[in-house]
N, C-alpha and C. Protein backbone atom coordinates (compact mmCIF):
# COMPACT_ATOMS: atom_id res chain seq x y z
N MET A 1 21.03 26.29 -20.74
CA MET A 1 21.72 26.33 -22.05
C MET A 1 21.42 24.99 -22.76
N PHE A 2 20.61 25.09 -23.79
CA PHE A 2 20.26 23.91 -24.57
C PHE A 2 19.69 22.76 -23.72
N GLY A 3 19.16 22.91 -22.55
CA GLY A 3 18.76 21.86 -21.75
C GLY A 3 19.51 20.78 -21.27
N LEU A 4 20.98 21.11 -21.30
CA LEU A 4 21.73 20.00 -20.91
C LEU A 4 21.86 19.71 -19.52
N PHE A 5 21.61 20.81 -18.58
CA PHE A 5 21.87 20.72 -17.22
C PHE A 5 20.58 20.89 -16.33
N LYS A 6 19.34 20.45 -16.98
CA LYS A 6 18.05 20.42 -16.19
C LYS A 6 17.98 19.39 -15.18
N LYS A 7 17.52 19.79 -14.08
CA LYS A 7 17.22 18.75 -12.94
C LYS A 7 16.11 17.68 -13.37
N LYS A 8 16.53 16.46 -13.16
CA LYS A 8 15.68 15.30 -13.42
C LYS A 8 14.66 15.35 -12.35
N LYS A 9 13.35 15.12 -12.83
CA LYS A 9 12.25 15.14 -11.86
C LYS A 9 12.10 13.56 -11.17
N THR A 10 11.93 13.46 -9.96
CA THR A 10 11.89 12.19 -9.32
C THR A 10 10.40 11.95 -9.05
N ALA A 11 10.03 10.66 -9.06
CA ALA A 11 8.55 10.24 -8.80
C ALA A 11 8.36 10.53 -7.34
N PRO A 12 7.08 11.06 -7.13
CA PRO A 12 6.89 11.37 -5.66
C PRO A 12 6.55 9.75 -5.06
N ALA A 13 6.73 9.95 -3.76
CA ALA A 13 6.59 8.69 -2.97
C ALA A 13 4.89 8.39 -3.03
N PRO A 14 4.65 6.98 -2.99
CA PRO A 14 3.27 6.90 -3.05
C PRO A 14 2.45 7.19 -1.86
N ILE A 15 1.24 7.70 -2.04
CA ILE A 15 0.41 8.05 -0.74
C ILE A 15 -0.60 6.83 -0.69
N LEU A 16 -0.38 6.06 0.22
CA LEU A 16 -1.18 4.86 0.50
C LEU A 16 -2.51 5.16 1.25
N ALA A 17 -3.61 4.81 0.81
CA ALA A 17 -4.88 5.15 1.69
C ALA A 17 -5.73 3.94 1.04
N ASP A 18 -6.64 3.53 2.18
CA ASP A 18 -7.43 2.47 1.92
C ASP A 18 -8.88 3.03 1.31
N LEU A 19 -9.72 2.20 1.06
CA LEU A 19 -11.14 2.64 0.49
C LEU A 19 -11.81 3.68 1.17
N ASN A 20 -11.51 3.62 2.59
CA ASN A 20 -12.16 4.69 3.42
C ASN A 20 -11.41 5.86 3.63
N ASN A 21 -10.30 6.06 2.84
CA ASN A 21 -9.37 7.12 2.65
C ASN A 21 -8.53 7.30 4.00
N GLU A 22 -8.40 6.24 4.86
CA GLU A 22 -7.55 6.07 5.96
C GLU A 22 -6.02 5.86 5.63
N SER A 23 -5.11 6.58 6.05
CA SER A 23 -3.83 6.44 5.50
C SER A 23 -3.15 4.99 5.93
N LEU A 24 -2.28 4.51 5.14
CA LEU A 24 -1.67 3.16 5.40
C LEU A 24 -0.19 3.60 5.58
N GLN A 25 0.42 2.74 6.39
CA GLN A 25 2.06 2.86 6.43
C GLN A 25 2.38 1.35 6.78
N GLU A 26 3.65 1.21 6.65
CA GLU A 26 4.44 -0.14 6.94
C GLU A 26 3.94 -0.57 8.21
N GLY A 27 3.61 -1.85 8.37
CA GLY A 27 3.28 -2.64 9.52
C GLY A 27 1.70 -2.61 9.77
N ASP A 28 0.99 -1.84 8.96
CA ASP A 28 -0.45 -1.91 9.22
C ASP A 28 -1.09 -3.17 8.69
N ILE A 29 -1.98 -3.66 9.42
CA ILE A 29 -2.79 -4.82 8.89
C ILE A 29 -4.09 -4.33 8.22
N VAL A 30 -4.37 -5.09 6.90
CA VAL A 30 -5.39 -4.68 6.20
C VAL A 30 -6.05 -5.97 5.55
N GLN A 31 -7.33 -5.83 5.07
CA GLN A 31 -8.15 -6.77 4.53
C GLN A 31 -8.04 -6.60 3.05
N SER A 32 -7.38 -7.47 2.24
CA SER A 32 -7.52 -7.43 0.84
C SER A 32 -8.65 -7.61 0.14
N LEU A 33 -9.00 -6.82 -0.89
CA LEU A 33 -10.09 -7.03 -1.64
C LEU A 33 -9.92 -7.64 -3.07
N ARG A 34 -8.63 -7.99 -3.22
CA ARG A 34 -8.14 -8.39 -4.61
C ARG A 34 -7.13 -9.80 -4.29
N TYR A 35 -7.10 -10.58 -5.24
CA TYR A 35 -5.99 -11.52 -5.36
C TYR A 35 -6.10 -12.69 -4.16
N GLU A 36 -7.23 -12.55 -3.53
CA GLU A 36 -7.59 -13.72 -2.55
C GLU A 36 -6.38 -13.81 -1.52
N LEU A 37 -6.01 -12.66 -1.07
CA LEU A 37 -4.92 -12.38 -0.05
C LEU A 37 -5.24 -12.60 1.32
N GLY A 38 -6.67 -12.30 1.58
CA GLY A 38 -7.16 -12.30 2.99
C GLY A 38 -6.58 -11.14 3.83
N LYS A 39 -6.21 -11.29 5.13
CA LYS A 39 -5.71 -10.32 5.77
C LYS A 39 -4.04 -10.15 5.36
N CYS A 40 -3.55 -9.05 5.27
CA CYS A 40 -2.29 -8.80 4.80
C CYS A 40 -1.69 -7.63 5.67
N ARG A 41 -0.31 -7.83 5.60
CA ARG A 41 0.52 -6.72 6.36
C ARG A 41 1.24 -5.80 5.33
N VAL A 42 1.16 -4.60 5.50
CA VAL A 42 1.99 -3.66 4.60
C VAL A 42 3.50 -3.79 5.12
N ILE A 43 4.28 -4.15 3.97
CA ILE A 43 5.77 -4.43 4.21
C ILE A 43 6.38 -3.54 3.21
N ALA A 44 7.84 -3.15 3.62
CA ALA A 44 8.68 -2.50 2.73
C ALA A 44 9.67 -3.68 2.09
N THR A 45 9.74 -3.65 0.90
CA THR A 45 10.57 -4.54 0.07
C THR A 45 11.69 -3.66 -0.76
N ASP A 46 12.62 -4.41 -1.32
CA ASP A 46 13.64 -3.62 -2.11
C ASP A 46 13.04 -3.07 -3.35
N LYS A 47 11.77 -3.58 -3.83
CA LYS A 47 11.09 -2.97 -4.91
C LYS A 47 10.08 -1.84 -4.59
N GLY A 48 10.01 -1.48 -3.13
CA GLY A 48 8.94 -0.56 -2.68
C GLY A 48 8.01 -1.35 -1.77
N LEU A 49 6.97 -0.63 -1.43
CA LEU A 49 5.87 -1.20 -0.59
C LEU A 49 4.98 -2.31 -1.16
N ALA A 50 4.77 -3.16 -0.51
CA ALA A 50 3.78 -4.41 -0.86
C ALA A 50 2.91 -5.01 0.23
N TYR A 51 2.03 -5.84 -0.08
CA TYR A 51 1.14 -6.40 0.87
C TYR A 51 1.54 -7.85 0.86
N GLU A 52 1.69 -8.35 2.21
CA GLU A 52 2.17 -9.79 2.42
C GLU A 52 1.07 -10.44 3.08
N SER A 53 0.39 -11.44 2.51
CA SER A 53 -0.60 -12.24 3.16
C SER A 53 -0.28 -12.93 4.32
N LEU A 54 -1.12 -12.78 5.51
CA LEU A 54 -0.83 -13.51 6.52
C LEU A 54 -1.27 -14.93 6.40
N GLU A 55 -2.09 -15.14 5.55
CA GLU A 55 -2.65 -16.57 5.49
C GLU A 55 -1.75 -17.45 4.60
N ASN A 56 -1.37 -17.03 3.49
CA ASN A 56 -0.59 -17.75 2.59
C ASN A 56 0.81 -17.31 2.22
N GLY A 57 1.24 -16.17 2.61
CA GLY A 57 2.65 -15.58 2.59
C GLY A 57 2.79 -14.97 1.02
N LYS A 58 1.97 -14.97 0.23
CA LYS A 58 1.82 -14.34 -1.00
C LYS A 58 2.15 -12.74 -0.90
N GLN A 59 2.89 -12.25 -1.77
CA GLN A 59 3.10 -10.85 -1.80
C GLN A 59 2.81 -10.07 -3.10
N VAL A 60 2.11 -9.05 -2.88
CA VAL A 60 1.57 -8.21 -4.10
C VAL A 60 2.02 -6.86 -3.90
N GLY A 61 2.66 -6.08 -4.84
CA GLY A 61 3.13 -4.75 -4.88
C GLY A 61 1.91 -3.89 -4.76
N TRP A 62 2.14 -2.70 -3.98
CA TRP A 62 1.04 -1.70 -3.89
C TRP A 62 0.34 -1.25 -5.32
N HIS A 63 1.28 -1.02 -6.25
CA HIS A 63 0.67 -0.59 -7.42
C HIS A 63 -0.40 -1.45 -8.21
N LEU A 64 -0.44 -2.85 -7.82
CA LEU A 64 -1.46 -3.64 -8.35
C LEU A 64 -2.82 -3.53 -7.45
N MET A 65 -2.79 -2.94 -6.40
CA MET A 65 -3.99 -2.76 -5.60
C MET A 65 -4.67 -1.44 -5.86
N VAL A 66 -4.31 -0.69 -6.77
CA VAL A 66 -4.75 0.77 -6.98
C VAL A 66 -6.18 0.57 -7.73
N ASP A 67 -7.31 1.29 -7.03
CA ASP A 67 -8.53 1.38 -7.72
C ASP A 67 -8.45 2.51 -8.75
N ALA A 68 -8.70 2.09 -10.07
CA ALA A 68 -8.57 2.97 -11.06
C ALA A 68 -9.58 4.15 -10.91
N SER A 69 -10.78 3.87 -10.35
CA SER A 69 -11.84 5.02 -10.26
C SER A 69 -11.30 6.00 -9.24
N THR A 70 -10.80 5.69 -8.11
CA THR A 70 -10.39 6.54 -6.87
C THR A 70 -9.03 6.68 -6.62
N ASP A 71 -8.16 5.92 -7.21
CA ASP A 71 -6.72 6.13 -6.95
C ASP A 71 -6.38 5.60 -5.51
N LEU A 72 -7.34 4.98 -4.79
CA LEU A 72 -7.21 4.43 -3.43
C LEU A 72 -6.82 2.94 -3.65
N GLN A 73 -6.35 2.44 -2.67
CA GLN A 73 -6.03 1.00 -2.53
C GLN A 73 -7.18 0.24 -2.29
N LYS A 74 -7.28 -1.08 -2.94
CA LYS A 74 -8.37 -2.05 -2.86
C LYS A 74 -8.09 -2.89 -1.60
N VAL A 75 -8.09 -2.14 -0.43
CA VAL A 75 -7.99 -2.80 0.81
C VAL A 75 -8.71 -2.11 1.86
N ARG A 76 -9.07 -2.63 3.00
CA ARG A 76 -9.78 -2.00 4.08
C ARG A 76 -8.84 -2.31 5.33
N LYS A 77 -8.46 -1.06 5.93
CA LYS A 77 -7.57 -1.04 7.13
C LYS A 77 -8.35 -1.67 8.35
N GLU A 78 -7.75 -2.78 9.00
CA GLU A 78 -8.39 -3.30 10.09
C GLU A 78 -8.43 -2.35 11.37
N THR A 79 -9.34 -2.26 12.20
CA THR A 79 -9.30 -1.22 13.20
C THR A 79 -8.62 -2.01 14.23
N GLN A 80 -7.76 -1.06 14.93
CA GLN A 80 -6.92 -1.60 16.03
C GLN A 80 -7.93 -1.30 17.29
N ARG A 81 -8.19 -2.49 18.13
CA ARG A 81 -8.92 -2.31 19.26
C ARG A 81 -8.07 -1.93 20.49
N PRO A 82 -8.25 -1.06 21.23
CA PRO A 82 -7.41 -0.79 22.47
C PRO A 82 -7.16 -1.90 23.33
N ILE A 83 -6.15 -2.24 23.90
CA ILE A 83 -5.98 -3.25 24.86
C ILE A 83 -6.18 -3.01 26.24
N ASP A 84 -7.10 -3.75 26.80
CA ASP A 84 -7.68 -3.50 28.12
C ASP A 84 -6.62 -3.99 29.18
N ASN A 85 -6.25 -3.11 30.15
CA ASN A 85 -5.17 -3.54 31.26
C ASN A 85 -6.10 -3.91 32.36
């Protein structure tokens, strides 16, 4: 009725993937290709997901790392090597 009681649409959660289309999640270690961050860890902040540099402590939000042509993140996920026992 006159559009008064329409449900408001919520923004979907960001789907994070590196340049090789590997999914990213909180705690992953990545190599940043922007902002001279070096190796970073994906962290959750009160403003959403961010990359925190392991080298200088600088934090950059995930939205600043989006590659415009592919919608993927401008990072490369570090491969995890299995620990030998």
